[in-house]
């Protein structure tokens, strides 16, 4: 059976992308839902997430 030619699509392609962390924070401040910026490893931009980042354990 032949493999289907799937293209790898990352979720960041449909998310709003920001050039800087501050730009993402400023956009997030406009809304009531708490969101946090994170650096995307695929596109290099900044996106917002609803998941609160975990603090590193000491």
N, C-alpha and C. Protein backbone atom coordinates (compact mmCIF):
# COMPACT_ATOMS: atom_id res chain seq x y z
N UNK A 1 0.83 -1.17 0.00
CA UNK A 1 0.00 0.00 0.00
C UNK A 1 0.89 1.25 0.00
N UNK A 2 0.61 2.18 -0.88
CA UNK A 2 1.42 3.39 -1.01
C UNK A 2 1.05 4.40 0.06
N UNK A 3 2.05 5.13 0.51
CA UNK A 3 1.80 6.16 1.50
C UNK A 3 1.19 7.39 0.83
N UNK A 4 0.26 8.01 1.54
CA UNK A 4 -0.34 9.24 1.03
C UNK A 4 0.67 10.38 1.20
N UNK A 5 0.77 11.25 0.22
CA UNK A 5 1.73 12.36 0.31
C UNK A 5 1.22 13.49 1.21
N UNK A 6 1.39 13.32 2.52
CA UNK A 6 0.91 14.34 3.46
C UNK A 6 1.93 15.43 3.62
N UNK A 7 1.44 16.63 3.72
CA UNK A 7 2.27 17.78 3.98
C UNK A 7 2.21 18.03 5.48
N UNK A 8 3.33 18.29 6.10
CA UNK A 8 3.32 18.57 7.53
C UNK A 8 2.83 19.99 7.75
N UNK A 9 1.77 20.12 8.50
CA UNK A 9 1.19 21.43 8.78
C UNK A 9 1.24 21.66 10.28
N UNK A 10 1.77 22.78 10.66
CA UNK A 10 1.87 23.11 12.07
C UNK A 10 0.71 24.02 12.46
N UNK A 11 0.29 23.93 13.70
CA UNK A 11 -0.84 24.74 14.15
C UNK A 11 -0.52 26.23 14.07
N UNK A 12 0.76 26.57 14.05
CA UNK A 12 1.11 27.99 14.02
C UNK A 12 0.72 28.65 12.69
N UNK A 13 0.46 27.87 11.67
CA UNK A 13 0.09 28.45 10.39
C UNK A 13 -1.28 29.11 10.43
N UNK A 14 -2.13 28.72 11.40
CA UNK A 14 -3.45 29.32 11.50
C UNK A 14 -3.56 30.29 12.67
N UNK A 15 -2.51 30.40 13.46
CA UNK A 15 -2.52 31.30 14.62
C UNK A 15 -1.98 32.67 14.22
N UNK A 16 -2.39 33.67 14.99
CA UNK A 16 -1.87 35.02 14.77
C UNK A 16 -0.41 35.03 15.21
N UNK A 17 0.44 35.59 14.36
CA UNK A 17 1.88 35.62 14.65
C UNK A 17 2.30 37.05 14.96
N UNK A 18 3.11 37.18 16.00
CA UNK A 18 3.63 38.48 16.40
C UNK A 18 5.14 38.48 16.24
N UNK A 19 5.69 39.65 15.91
CA UNK A 19 7.14 39.75 15.71
C UNK A 19 7.91 39.77 17.02
N UNK A 20 7.29 40.33 18.07
CA UNK A 20 7.97 40.43 19.36
C UNK A 20 7.07 39.94 20.49
N UNK A 21 7.71 39.64 21.60
CA UNK A 21 6.96 39.21 22.79
C UNK A 21 6.08 40.35 23.29
N UNK A 22 6.60 41.58 23.24
CA UNK A 22 5.82 42.73 23.69
C UNK A 22 4.59 42.95 22.83
N UNK A 23 4.70 42.75 21.53
CA UNK A 23 3.55 42.90 20.64
C UNK A 23 2.47 41.88 21.00
N UNK A 24 2.89 40.67 21.32
CA UNK A 24 1.94 39.62 21.72
C UNK A 24 1.28 39.99 23.05
N UNK A 25 2.07 40.49 24.01
CA UNK A 25 1.53 40.89 25.31
C UNK A 25 0.52 42.03 25.16
N UNK A 26 0.84 43.01 24.33
CA UNK A 26 -0.06 44.14 24.11
C UNK A 26 -1.37 43.68 23.49
N UNK A 27 -1.31 42.75 22.58
CA UNK A 27 -2.53 42.22 21.97
C UNK A 27 -3.35 41.45 23.01
N UNK A 28 -2.69 40.67 23.84
CA UNK A 28 -3.37 39.87 24.86
C UNK A 28 -4.05 40.76 25.90
N UNK A 29 -3.48 41.91 26.17
CA UNK A 29 -4.03 42.81 27.19
C UNK A 29 -5.40 43.37 26.79
N UNK A 30 -5.74 43.29 25.53
CA UNK A 30 -7.02 43.82 25.04
C UNK A 30 -8.21 42.91 25.38
N UNK A 31 -7.93 41.68 25.78
CA UNK A 31 -8.99 40.70 25.99
C UNK A 31 -9.04 40.24 27.44
N UNK A 32 -10.22 39.79 27.87
CA UNK A 32 -10.39 39.33 29.25
C UNK A 32 -9.77 37.97 29.51
N UNK A 33 -9.76 37.10 28.50
CA UNK A 33 -9.23 35.76 28.66
C UNK A 33 -7.72 35.83 28.89
N UNK A 34 -7.24 35.27 29.99
CA UNK A 34 -5.78 35.32 30.22
C UNK A 34 -5.03 34.46 29.21
N UNK A 35 -4.04 35.07 28.59
CA UNK A 35 -3.20 34.36 27.63
C UNK A 35 -1.75 34.75 27.88
N UNK A 36 -0.85 33.88 27.46
CA UNK A 36 0.57 34.10 27.64
C UNK A 36 1.28 33.93 26.31
N UNK A 37 2.27 34.79 26.03
CA UNK A 37 3.03 34.65 24.79
C UNK A 37 4.07 33.53 24.91
N UNK A 38 4.33 32.88 23.79
CA UNK A 38 5.40 31.89 23.75
C UNK A 38 6.08 31.95 22.39
N UNK A 39 7.35 31.60 22.37
CA UNK A 39 8.16 31.60 21.15
C UNK A 39 7.88 30.30 20.40
N UNK A 40 7.54 30.41 19.14
CA UNK A 40 7.24 29.23 18.32
C UNK A 40 8.52 28.63 17.75
N UNK A 41 8.71 27.37 17.98
CA UNK A 41 9.92 26.70 17.49
C UNK A 41 9.87 26.43 15.99
N UNK A 42 8.70 26.55 15.37
CA UNK A 42 8.56 26.24 13.96
C UNK A 42 8.71 27.46 13.06
N UNK A 43 8.07 28.58 13.46
CA UNK A 43 8.11 29.77 12.60
C UNK A 43 9.01 30.87 13.15
N UNK A 44 9.41 30.76 14.42
CA UNK A 44 10.29 31.76 15.02
C UNK A 44 9.55 32.99 15.53
N UNK A 45 8.24 33.06 15.32
CA UNK A 45 7.46 34.19 15.80
C UNK A 45 6.93 33.93 17.19
N UNK A 46 6.05 34.81 17.64
CA UNK A 46 5.41 34.69 18.95
C UNK A 46 3.93 34.45 18.76
N UNK A 47 3.35 33.56 19.54
CA UNK A 47 1.93 33.26 19.54
C UNK A 47 1.42 33.38 20.96
N UNK A 48 0.09 33.30 21.13
CA UNK A 48 -0.51 33.34 22.45
C UNK A 48 -1.12 31.98 22.78
N UNK A 49 -1.04 31.60 24.04
CA UNK A 49 -1.64 30.36 24.51
C UNK A 49 -2.47 30.62 25.76
N UNK A 50 -3.47 29.79 25.97
CA UNK A 50 -4.29 29.89 27.18
C UNK A 50 -3.69 29.08 28.33
N UNK A 51 -2.72 28.23 28.00
CA UNK A 51 -2.07 27.43 29.04
C UNK A 51 -1.01 28.26 29.76
N UNK A 52 -1.15 28.33 31.08
CA UNK A 52 -0.17 29.07 31.85
C UNK A 52 1.15 28.30 31.85
N UNK A 53 2.23 28.98 31.53
CA UNK A 53 3.53 28.27 31.51
C UNK A 53 3.94 27.80 32.89
N UNK A 54 4.56 26.64 32.93
CA UNK A 54 5.05 26.11 34.19
C UNK A 54 6.35 26.78 34.57
N UNK A 55 6.51 27.04 35.84
CA UNK A 55 7.77 27.61 36.32
C UNK A 55 8.81 26.50 36.44
N UNK A 56 10.04 26.79 36.10
CA UNK A 56 11.08 25.77 36.27
C UNK A 56 11.23 25.38 37.74
N UNK A 57 11.40 24.09 37.98
CA UNK A 57 11.58 23.62 39.36
C UNK A 57 12.97 23.94 39.85
N UNK A 58 13.06 24.36 41.10
CA UNK A 58 14.36 24.72 41.68
C UNK A 58 15.00 23.55 42.35
